[in-house]
Amino acid sequence: MLEAIRQFIYAYYIHPITHDTGYNPVNTITWALLLVLCLFLTLKLLKQLEIAIDKTFIAALSPYIFVGASLRVMEDVELFSPPLSYMLITPLIYFLLFFCCVAILTISVKLSRSKVRDYNYNVPFCLVGVIWLFINLIILFGKEEIILPGVLFAVVGISGIILLVIYGIAAKFGVNFLTEKLNVSVLAAHLLDASSSYIGIDILGYSGKHVIEGIIVKHAGSAAGMYPLKLGILIPVLYLLETRFDEKEKELKNLVLLALLVIGLAPAVRNILRMVLGV
């Protein structure tokens, strides 16, 4: 029995990290459940630190999404060796960034509320993220050559056109939740992810590592199926968040939106960087 459990853990959890083989149905469901648990723990932690989960905080946190994606690509180009490289593979990289963000944010909050100087804790928190990202990009572009710069414009262009169409229709017919800035940001992040998957898989010959992505490509014959899938899930979810959460639950709603932003933007940025660098 113990040997069977050990083999199960290695097959579905350990090997996908050590061999970087991607996701399977078992670990996908596990990470999804773990994400829900982490959201509630994060909400309690931020409340304890007396941090408002608003648009300003989400904007300050945004550079760290790019930091995580750039670190993931740095692992892709083998700038790190095991066991350190394992920490830069999903889901461990999310835990790494989470603890780093908590540490930096806690220091920023303490300093901002000290008697020495009074300022908004979001400013130094964001600044550290921007500097960290800048250092990552210098190292990454110093190691690798830019092979396909047009990929960036293609991904952003396709995503932008679709987003403009959705925004225009929503504005015309008064569907206000699809014109709210934070909701639009979430849609933009996932459209970037879908576009990067489409260009990478259909045009450049990459293969997807996500379970659902693999199913879509297998049955639809194209990663373009990610567009209706993402929009078909996201739009109802955004509607429910807009209509079912009152003002008292605004911070929980914003935290869910932040989580949606991260799981859309992080893989999108990683995919774009990989394709631009030809990795």
C-alpha atoms as a PDB file:
ATOM      1  CA  MET A   1       0.000   0.000   0.000  1.00  0.00           C
ATOM      2  CA  LEU A   2       2.762   2.452   0.933  1.00  0.00           C
ATOM      3  CA  GLU A   3       4.637   1.653  -2.273  1.00  0.00           C
ATOM      4  CA  ALA A   4       1.466   2.235  -4.315  1.00  0.00           C
ATOM      5  CA  ILE A   5       0.940   5.600  -2.624  1.00  0.00           C
ATOM      6  CA  ARG A   6       4.565   6.545  -3.242  1.00  0.00           C
ATOM      7  CA  GLN A   7       4.310   5.654  -6.936  1.00  0.00           C
ATOM      8  CA  PHE A   8       1.057   7.610  -7.216  1.00  0.00           C
ATOM      9  CA  ILE A   9       2.623  10.720  -5.682  1.00  0.00           C
ATOM     10  CA  TYR A  10       5.709  10.469  -7.871  1.00  0.00           C
ATOM     11  CA  ALA A  11       3.709   9.798 -11.038  1.00  0.00           C
ATOM     12  CA  TYR A  12       1.159  12.589 -10.620  1.00  0.00           C
ATOM     13  CA  TYR A  13       2.958  15.225  -8.530  1.00  0.00           C
ATOM     14  CA  ILE A  14       6.751  14.808  -8.329  1.00  0.00           C
ATOM     15  CA  HIS A  15       7.649  13.756 -11.881  1.00  0.00           C
ATOM     16  CA  PRO A  16       5.599  16.527 -13.559  1.00  0.00           C
ATOM     17  CA  ILE A  17       7.834  18.967 -11.635  1.00  0.00           C
ATOM     18  CA  THR A  18      11.223  17.223 -11.852  1.00  0.00           C
ATOM     19  CA  HIS A  19      10.701  16.275 -15.524  1.00  0.00           C
ATOM     20  CA  ASP A  20       8.710  19.441 -16.364  1.00  0.00           C
ATOM     21  CA  THR A  21       6.096  17.375 -18.211  1.00  0.00           C
ATOM     22  CA  GLY A  22       3.211  19.701 -17.413  1.00  0.00           C
ATOM     23  CA  TYR A  23      -0.213  18.932 -16.016  1.00  0.00           C
ATOM     24  CA  ASN A  24      -2.366  15.831 -15.663  1.00  0.00           C
ATOM     25  CA  PRO A  25      -5.994  15.504 -14.485  1.00  0.00           C
ATOM     26  CA  VAL A  26      -4.977  14.605 -10.917  1.00  0.00           C
ATOM     27  CA  ASN A  27      -2.564  17.439 -10.214  1.00  0.00           C
ATOM     28  CA  THR A  28      -4.757  19.926 -12.115  1.00  0.00           C
ATOM     29  CA  ILE A  29      -7.671  19.281  -9.747  1.00  0.00           C
ATOM     30  CA  THR A  30      -5.327  19.322  -6.746  1.00  0.00           C
ATOM     31  CA  TRP A  31      -3.764  22.678  -7.674  1.00  0.00           C
ATOM     32  CA  ALA A  32      -7.234  24.141  -8.327  1.00  0.00           C
ATOM     33  CA  LEU A  33      -8.425  23.124  -4.855  1.00  0.00           C
ATOM     34  CA  LEU A  34      -5.193  24.401  -3.352  1.00  0.00           C
ATOM     35  CA  LEU A  35      -5.729  27.728  -5.122  1.00  0.00           C
ATOM     36  CA  VAL A  36      -9.147  28.107  -3.467  1.00  0.00           C
ATOM     37  CA  LEU A  37      -7.629  27.388  -0.051  1.00  0.00           C
ATOM     38  CA  CYS A  38      -4.797  29.851  -0.677  1.00  0.00           C
ATOM     39  CA  LEU A  39      -7.283  32.577  -1.640  1.00  0.00           C
ATOM     40  CA  PHE A  40      -8.998  32.400   1.756  1.00  0.00           C
ATOM     41  CA  LEU A  41      -5.673  32.244   3.620  1.00  0.00           C
ATOM     42  CA  THR A  42      -4.420  35.226   1.621  1.00  0.00           C
ATOM     43  CA  LEU A  43      -7.576  37.177   2.429  1.00  0.00           C
ATOM     44  CA  LYS A  44      -7.059  36.565   6.145  1.00  0.00           C
ATOM     45  CA  LEU A  45      -3.380  37.504   5.911  1.00  0.00           C
ATOM     46  CA  LEU A  46      -4.060  40.770   4.078  1.00  0.00           C
ATOM     47  CA  LYS A  47      -6.766  41.673   6.579  1.00  0.00           C
ATOM     48  CA  GLN A  48      -4.321  41.023   9.413  1.00  0.00           C
ATOM     49  CA  LEU A  49      -1.848  43.385   7.743  1.00  0.00           C
ATOM     50  CA  GLU A  50      -4.708  45.876   7.242  1.00  0.00           C
ATOM     51  CA  ILE A  51      -4.121  45.960   3.496  1.00  0.00           C
ATOM     52  CA  ALA A  52      -6.967  47.032   1.238  1.00  0.00           C
ATOM     53  CA  ILE A  53      -7.452  44.703  -1.728  1.00  0.00           C
ATOM     54  CA  ASP A  54      -8.331  47.418  -4.210  1.00  0.00           C
ATOM     55  CA  LYS A  55      -7.302  48.431  -7.715  1.00  0.00           C
ATOM     56  CA  THR A  56      -4.228  50.263  -6.423  1.00  0.00           C
ATOM     57  CA  PHE A  57      -2.963  47.166  -4.618  1.00  0.00           C
ATOM     58  CA  ILE A  58      -3.618  44.958  -7.661  1.00  0.00           C
ATOM     59  CA  ALA A  59      -1.719  47.427  -9.874  1.00  0.00           C
ATOM     60  CA  ALA A  60       1.203  47.418  -7.394  1.00  0.00           C
ATOM     61  CA  LEU A  61       1.228  43.616  -7.424  1.00  0.00           C
ATOM     62  CA  SER A  62       1.148  43.346 -11.233  1.00  0.00           C
ATOM     63  CA  PRO A  63       4.946  43.576 -11.791  1.00  0.00           C
ATOM     64  CA  TYR A  64       5.379  40.381  -9.764  1.00  0.00           C
ATOM     65  CA  ILE A  65       3.247  38.494 -12.307  1.00  0.00           C
ATOM     66  CA  PHE A  66       5.825  39.451 -14.941  1.00  0.00           C
ATOM     67  CA  VAL A  67       8.616  38.572 -12.499  1.00  0.00           C
ATOM     68  CA  GLY A  68       7.212  35.059 -12.109  1.00  0.00           C
ATOM     69  CA  ALA A  69       6.798  34.605 -15.858  1.00  0.00           C
ATOM     70  CA  SER A  70      10.341  35.822 -16.567  1.00  0.00           C
ATOM     71  CA  LEU A  71      11.752  33.498 -13.889  1.00  0.00           C
ATOM     72  CA  ARG A  72       9.876  30.617 -15.523  1.00  0.00           C
ATOM     73  CA  VAL A  73      11.477  31.426 -18.887  1.00  0.00           C
ATOM     74  CA  MET A  74      14.878  31.706 -17.201  1.00  0.00           C
ATOM     75  CA  GLU A  75      14.324  28.124 -16.086  1.00  0.00           C
ATOM     76  CA  ASP A  76      13.276  27.183 -19.624  1.00  0.00           C
ATOM     77  CA  VAL A  77      16.620  28.409 -20.992  1.00  0.00           C
ATOM     78  CA  GLU A  78      18.402  26.467 -18.227  1.00  0.00           C
ATOM     79  CA  LEU A  79      19.889  29.401 -16.351  1.00  0.00           C
ATOM     80  CA  PHE A  80      19.248  27.418 -13.161  1.00  0.00           C
ATOM     81  CA  SER A  81      20.155  23.854 -12.240  1.00  0.00           C
ATOM     82  CA  PRO A  82      18.286  21.340 -10.034  1.00  0.00           C
ATOM     83  CA  PRO A  83      17.142  21.488  -7.331  1.00  0.00           C
ATOM     84  CA  LEU A  84      16.802  25.289  -7.629  1.00  0.00           C
ATOM     85  CA  SER A  85      15.205  24.952 -11.061  1.00  0.00           C
ATOM     86  CA  TYR A  86      12.401  22.834  -9.543  1.00  0.00           C
ATOM     87  CA  MET A  87      11.307  25.869  -7.532  1.00  0.00           C
ATOM     88  CA  LEU A  88      10.640  27.707 -10.803  1.00  0.00           C
ATOM     89  CA  ILE A  89       8.192  25.120 -12.144  1.00  0.00           C
ATOM     90  CA  THR A  90       4.450  25.242 -11.503  1.00  0.00           C
ATOM     91  CA  PRO A  91       3.087  25.088  -8.846  1.00  0.00           C
ATOM     92  CA  LEU A  92       6.228  25.667  -6.765  1.00  0.00           C
ATOM     93  CA  ILE A  93       6.985  28.970  -8.496  1.00  0.00           C
ATOM     94  CA  TYR A  94       3.617  30.317  -7.299  1.00  0.00           C
ATOM     95  CA  PHE A  95       4.514  29.487  -3.709  1.00  0.00           C
ATOM     96  CA  LEU A  96       7.955  31.038  -4.163  1.00  0.00           C
ATOM     97  CA  LEU A  97       6.500  34.281  -5.516  1.00  0.00           C
ATOM     98  CA  PHE A  98       3.790  34.254  -2.867  1.00  0.00           C
ATOM     99  CA  PHE A  99       6.262  34.121   0.023  1.00  0.00           C
ATOM    100  CA  CYS A 100       8.523  36.703  -1.638  1.00  0.00           C
ATOM    101  CA  CYS A 101       5.579  39.052  -2.158  1.00  0.00           C
ATOM    102  CA  VAL A 102       4.381  38.598   1.431  1.00  0.00           C
ATOM    103  CA  ALA A 103       7.877  39.353   2.766  1.00  0.00           C
ATOM    104  CA  ILE A 104       8.354  42.447   0.568  1.00  0.00           C
ATOM    105  CA  LEU A 105       4.825  43.677   1.249  1.00  0.00           C
ATOM    106  CA  THR A 106       5.187  43.191   5.022  1.00  0.00           C
ATOM    107  CA  ILE A 107       8.413  45.216   5.044  1.00  0.00           C
ATOM    108  CA  SER A 108       6.791  47.918   2.904  1.00  0.00           C
ATOM    109  CA  VAL A 109       3.807  48.115   5.244  1.00  0.00           C
ATOM    110  CA  LYS A 110       5.989  48.284   8.374  1.00  0.00           C
ATOM    111  CA  LEU A 111       8.156  51.017   6.898  1.00  0.00           C
ATOM    112  CA  SER A 112       5.188  53.018   5.652  1.00  0.00           C
ATOM    113  CA  ARG A 113       3.582  52.983   9.098  1.00  0.00           C
ATOM    114  CA  SER A 114       6.741  53.752  11.024  1.00  0.00           C
ATOM    115  CA  LYS A 115       7.246  57.065  12.746  1.00  0.00           C
ATOM    116  CA  VAL A 116      10.150  57.904  10.465  1.00  0.00           C
ATOM    117  CA  ARG A 117       8.101  58.494   7.355  1.00  0.00           C
ATOM    118  CA  ASP A 118       4.479  58.153   6.286  1.00  0.00           C
ATOM    119  CA  TYR A 119       3.783  57.007   2.694  1.00  0.00           C
ATOM    120  CA  ASN A 120       1.646  54.556   0.736  1.00  0.00           C
ATOM    121  CA  TYR A 121       3.043  51.022   1.144  1.00  0.00           C
ATOM    122  CA  ASN A 122       2.022  50.196  -2.432  1.00  0.00           C
ATOM    123  CA  VAL A 123       4.735  52.500  -3.812  1.00  0.00           C
ATOM    124  CA  PRO A 124       7.848  50.672  -2.506  1.00  0.00           C
ATOM    125  CA  PHE A 125       6.107  47.323  -2.979  1.00  0.00           C
ATOM    126  CA  CYS A 126       5.536  48.073  -6.674  1.00  0.00           C
ATOM    127  CA  LEU A 127       8.993  49.612  -7.104  1.00  0.00           C
ATOM    128  CA  VAL A 128      10.767  46.474  -5.834  1.00  0.00           C
ATOM    129  CA  GLY A 129       8.756  44.385  -8.297  1.00  0.00           C
ATOM    130  CA  VAL A 130       9.647  46.666 -11.219  1.00  0.00           C
ATOM    131  CA  ILE A 131      13.363  46.590 -10.321  1.00  0.00           C
ATOM    132  CA  TRP A 132      13.290  42.789  -9.923  1.00  0.00           C
ATOM    133  CA  LEU A 133      11.603  42.425 -13.324  1.00  0.00           C
ATOM    134  CA  PHE A 134      14.130  44.781 -14.933  1.00  0.00           C
ATOM    135  CA  ILE A 135      17.027  42.686 -13.565  1.00  0.00           C
ATOM    136  CA  ASN A 136      15.414  39.450 -14.803  1.00  0.00           C
ATOM    137  CA  LEU A 137      14.959  40.841 -18.307  1.00  0.00           C
ATOM    138  CA  ILE A 138      18.550  42.114 -18.464  1.00  0.00           C
ATOM    139  CA  ILE A 139      19.835  38.650 -17.513  1.00  0.00           C
ATOM    140  CA  LEU A 140      17.413  36.878 -19.874  1.00  0.00           C
ATOM    141  CA  PHE A 141      18.047  39.052 -22.933  1.00  0.00           C
ATOM    142  CA  GLY A 142      21.759  39.000 -22.182  1.00  0.00           C
ATOM    143  CA  LYS A 143      21.675  35.204 -22.375  1.00  0.00           C
ATOM    144  CA  GLU A 144      19.272  34.721 -25.296  1.00  0.00           C
ATOM    145  CA  GLU A 145      18.787  36.452 -28.646  1.00  0.00           C
ATOM    146  CA  ILE A 146      15.462  37.874 -29.805  1.00  0.00           C
ATOM    147  CA  ILE A 147      14.419  35.581 -32.661  1.00  0.00           C
ATOM    148  CA  LEU A 148      10.767  36.387 -33.384  1.00  0.00           C
ATOM    149  CA  PRO A 149       9.886  39.923 -32.173  1.00  0.00           C
ATOM    150  CA  GLY A 150       6.782  39.914 -34.364  1.00  0.00           C
ATOM    151  CA  VAL A 151       5.155  37.354 -32.068  1.00  0.00           C
ATOM    152  CA  LEU A 152       4.613  40.041 -29.430  1.00  0.00           C
ATOM    153  CA  PHE A 153       2.758  42.294 -31.864  1.00  0.00           C
ATOM    154  CA  ALA A 154       0.724  39.399 -33.245  1.00  0.00           C
ATOM    155  CA  VAL A 155      -0.419  38.200 -29.807  1.00  0.00           C
ATOM    156  CA  VAL A 156      -1.217  41.710 -28.568  1.00  0.00           C
ATOM    157  CA  GLY A 157      -2.880  42.631 -31.872  1.00  0.00           C
ATOM    158  CA  ILE A 158      -5.219  39.626 -32.018  1.00  0.00           C
ATOM    159  CA  SER A 159      -6.099  39.935 -28.320  1.00  0.00           C
ATOM    160  CA  GLY A 160      -6.648  43.691 -28.652  1.00  0.00           C
ATOM    161  CA  ILE A 161      -9.040  43.327 -31.585  1.00  0.00           C
ATOM    162  CA  ILE A 162     -11.164  40.712 -29.814  1.00  0.00           C
ATOM    163  CA  LEU A 163     -11.172  42.774 -26.607  1.00  0.00           C
ATOM    164  CA  LEU A 164     -12.225  45.920 -28.489  1.00  0.00           C
ATOM    165  CA  VAL A 165     -15.107  44.029 -30.109  1.00  0.00           C
ATOM    166  CA  ILE A 166     -16.309  42.721 -26.736  1.00  0.00           C
ATOM    167  CA  TYR A 167     -15.933  46.153 -25.130  1.00  0.00           C
ATOM    168  CA  GLY A 168     -17.745  47.873 -27.995  1.00  0.00           C
ATOM    169  CA  ILE A 169     -20.696  45.460 -27.899  1.00  0.00           C
ATOM    170  CA  ALA A 170     -20.877  45.686 -24.093  1.00  0.00           C
ATOM    171  CA  ALA A 171     -20.813  49.509 -24.184  1.00  0.00           C
ATOM    172  CA  LYS A 172     -23.463  49.653 -26.903  1.00  0.00           C
ATOM    173  CA  PHE A 173     -25.900  47.382 -25.096  1.00  0.00           C
ATOM    174  CA  GLY A 174     -25.156  48.602 -21.562  1.00  0.00           C
ATOM    175  CA  VAL A 175     -23.465  45.437 -20.295  1.00  0.00           C
ATOM    176  CA  ASN A 176     -21.568  47.402 -17.678  1.00  0.00           C
ATOM    177  CA  PHE A 177     -19.697  44.561 -16.002  1.00  0.00           C
ATOM    178  CA  LEU A 178     -17.768  43.980 -19.249  1.00  0.00           C
ATOM    179  CA  THR A 179     -16.589  47.583 -19.357  1.00  0.00           C
ATOM    180  CA  GLU A 180     -15.371  47.759 -15.753  1.00  0.00           C
ATOM    181  CA  LYS A 181     -11.583  48.246 -15.730  1.00  0.00           C
ATOM    182  CA  LEU A 182     -10.618  45.297 -13.555  1.00  0.00           C
ATOM    183  CA  ASN A 183     -12.909  42.911 -15.444  1.00  0.00           C
ATOM    184  CA  VAL A 184     -11.498  44.165 -18.744  1.00  0.00           C
ATOM    185  CA  SER A 185      -7.983  43.507 -17.413  1.00  0.00           C
ATOM    186  CA  VAL A 186      -8.924  39.912 -16.586  1.00  0.00           C
ATOM    187  CA  LEU A 187     -10.405  39.404 -20.054  1.00  0.00           C
ATOM    188  CA  ALA A 188      -7.303  40.937 -21.639  1.00  0.00           C
ATOM    189  CA  ALA A 189      -5.002  38.616 -19.662  1.00  0.00           C
ATOM    190  CA  HIS A 190      -6.848  35.483 -20.759  1.00  0.00           C
ATOM    191  CA  LEU A 191      -7.168  36.632 -24.360  1.00  0.00           C
ATOM    192  CA  LEU A 192      -3.388  37.109 -24.376  1.00  0.00           C
ATOM    193  CA  ASP A 193      -3.043  33.574 -23.019  1.00  0.00           C
ATOM    194  CA  ALA A 194      -5.402  32.185 -25.683  1.00  0.00           C
ATOM    195  CA  SER A 195      -3.641  34.124 -28.460  1.00  0.00           C
ATOM    196  CA  SER A 196      -0.192  32.991 -27.336  1.00  0.00           C
ATOM    197  CA  SER A 197      -1.429  29.377 -27.258  1.00  0.00           C
ATOM    198  CA  TYR A 198      -2.978  29.697 -30.711  1.00  0.00           C
ATOM    199  CA  ILE A 199       0.134  31.213 -32.316  1.00  0.00           C
ATOM    200  CA  GLY A 200       2.501  28.908 -30.452  1.00  0.00           C
ATOM    201  CA  ILE A 201       0.664  25.638 -31.130  1.00  0.00           C
ATOM    202  CA  ASP A 202      -0.990  26.238 -34.507  1.00  0.00           C
ATOM    203  CA  ILE A 203       1.686  28.333 -36.207  1.00  0.00           C
ATOM    204  CA  LEU A 204       5.013  27.729 -34.477  1.00  0.00           C
ATOM    205  CA  GLY A 205       4.600  24.053 -33.590  1.00  0.00           C
ATOM    206  CA  TYR A 206       4.758  24.251 -29.791  1.00  0.00           C
ATOM    207  CA  SER A 207       2.797  21.777 -27.674  1.00  0.00           C
ATOM    208  CA  GLY A 208       0.543  22.641 -24.766  1.00  0.00           C
ATOM    209  CA  LYS A 209       1.127  21.308 -21.250  1.00  0.00           C
ATOM    210  CA  HIS A 210      -2.310  21.986 -19.797  1.00  0.00           C
ATOM    211  CA  VAL A 211      -4.897  19.204 -19.704  1.00  0.00           C
ATOM    212  CA  ILE A 212      -7.802  21.275 -21.016  1.00  0.00           C
ATOM    213  CA  GLU A 213      -5.588  22.860 -23.676  1.00  0.00           C
ATOM    214  CA  GLY A 214      -4.611  19.386 -24.873  1.00  0.00           C
ATOM    215  CA  ILE A 215      -8.241  18.274 -25.061  1.00  0.00           C
ATOM    216  CA  ILE A 216      -9.214  21.368 -27.061  1.00  0.00           C
ATOM    217  CA  VAL A 217      -6.387  20.876 -29.570  1.00  0.00           C
ATOM    218  CA  LYS A 218      -7.131  17.157 -29.875  1.00  0.00           C
ATOM    219  CA  HIS A 219     -10.867  17.514 -30.549  1.00  0.00           C
ATOM    220  CA  ALA A 220     -11.021  20.918 -32.251  1.00  0.00           C
ATOM    221  CA  GLY A 221      -7.824  20.434 -34.208  1.00  0.00           C
ATOM    222  CA  SER A 222      -6.713  23.933 -33.266  1.00  0.00           C
ATOM    223  CA  ALA A 223      -5.759  25.927 -30.178  1.00  0.00           C
ATOM    224  CA  ALA A 224      -8.181  28.605 -31.422  1.00  0.00           C
ATOM    225  CA  GLY A 225     -10.745  26.674 -29.418  1.00  0.00           C
ATOM    226  CA  MET A 226      -9.231  28.337 -26.350  1.00  0.00           C
ATOM    227  CA  TYR A 227     -11.007  31.588 -27.264  1.00  0.00           C
ATOM    228  CA  PRO A 228     -14.626  30.367 -26.930  1.00  0.00           C
ATOM    229  CA  LEU A 229     -13.638  28.191 -23.962  1.00  0.00           C
ATOM    230  CA  LYS A 230     -12.108  31.060 -22.002  1.00  0.00           C
ATOM    231  CA  LEU A 231     -14.819  33.562 -22.897  1.00  0.00           C
ATOM    232  CA  GLY A 232     -17.541  30.983 -22.227  1.00  0.00           C
ATOM    233  CA  ILE A 233     -16.214  30.500 -18.699  1.00  0.00           C
ATOM    234  CA  LEU A 234     -14.924  33.967 -17.860  1.00  0.00           C
ATOM    235  CA  ILE A 235     -17.924  36.069 -18.874  1.00  0.00           C
ATOM    236  CA  PRO A 236     -20.405  34.121 -16.674  1.00  0.00           C
ATOM    237  CA  VAL A 237     -17.878  34.136 -13.790  1.00  0.00           C
ATOM    238  CA  LEU A 238     -17.382  37.904 -14.090  1.00  0.00           C
ATOM    239  CA  TYR A 239     -21.158  38.358 -14.199  1.00  0.00           C
ATOM    240  CA  LEU A 240     -21.623  36.296 -11.034  1.00  0.00           C
ATOM    241  CA  LEU A 241     -18.866  38.233  -9.251  1.00  0.00           C
ATOM    242  CA  GLU A 242     -20.548  41.485 -10.265  1.00  0.00           C
ATOM    243  CA  THR A 243     -24.074  40.494  -9.246  1.00  0.00           C
ATOM    244  CA  ARG A 244     -23.617  38.117  -6.308  1.00  0.00           C
ATOM    245  CA  PHE A 245     -21.024  40.005  -4.266  1.00  0.00           C
ATOM    246  CA  ASP A 246     -22.166  43.033  -2.278  1.00  0.00           C
ATOM    247  CA  GLU A 247     -20.031  45.903  -0.983  1.00  0.00           C
ATOM    248  CA  LYS A 248     -19.113  43.980   2.177  1.00  0.00           C
ATOM    249  CA  GLU A 249     -17.583  41.224   0.049  1.00  0.00           C
ATOM    250  CA  LYS A 250     -15.754  43.591  -2.300  1.00  0.00           C
ATOM    251  CA  GLU A 251     -12.294  42.578  -1.088  1.00  0.00           C
ATOM    252  CA  LEU A 252     -13.012  38.872  -1.617  1.00  0.00           C
ATOM    253  CA  LYS A 253     -14.336  39.692  -5.077  1.00  0.00           C
ATOM    254  CA  ASN A 254     -11.184  41.677  -5.905  1.00  0.00           C
ATOM    255  CA  LEU A 255      -9.007  38.844  -4.616  1.00  0.00           C
ATOM    256  CA  VAL A 256     -10.774  36.378  -6.927  1.00  0.00           C
ATOM    257  CA  LEU A 257     -10.296  38.807  -9.818  1.00  0.00           C
ATOM    258  CA  LEU A 258      -6.614  39.072  -8.912  1.00  0.00           C
ATOM    259  CA  ALA A 259      -6.308  35.267  -8.966  1.00  0.00           C
ATOM    260  CA  LEU A 260      -7.997  35.169 -12.388  1.00  0.00           C
ATOM    261  CA  LEU A 261      -5.615  37.866 -13.601  1.00  0.00           C
ATOM    262  CA  VAL A 262      -2.573  35.908 -12.414  1.00  0.00           C
ATOM    263  CA  ILE A 263      -3.592  32.548 -13.933  1.00  0.00           C
ATOM    264  CA  GLY A 264      -4.247  34.262 -17.259  1.00  0.00           C
ATOM    265  CA  LEU A 265      -1.402  36.766 -17.505  1.00  0.00           C
ATOM    266  CA  ALA A 266       1.445  34.652 -16.071  1.00  0.00           C
ATOM    267  CA  PRO A 267       1.283  31.871 -18.711  1.00  0.00           C
ATOM    268  CA  ALA A 268       0.611  34.453 -21.439  1.00  0.00           C
ATOM    269  CA  VAL A 269       3.786  36.406 -20.625  1.00  0.00           C
ATOM    270  CA  ARG A 270       5.807  33.196 -20.356  1.00  0.00           C
ATOM    271  CA  ASN A 271       4.521  31.968 -23.713  1.00  0.00           C
ATOM    272  CA  ILE A 272       5.264  35.290 -25.409  1.00  0.00           C
ATOM    273  CA  LEU A 273       8.782  35.484 -24.002  1.00  0.00           C
ATOM    274  CA  ARG A 274       9.534  31.906 -25.024  1.00  0.00           C
ATOM    275  CA  MET A 275       8.334  32.443 -28.582  1.00  0.00           C
ATOM    276  CA  VAL A 276      10.105  35.785 -28.954  1.00  0.00           C
ATOM    277  CA  LEU A 277      13.335  34.138 -27.831  1.00  0.00           C
ATOM    278  CA  GLY A 278      12.719  30.996 -29.847  1.00  0.00           C
ATOM    279  CA  VAL A 279      12.969  28.788 -26.767  1.00  0.00           C
END
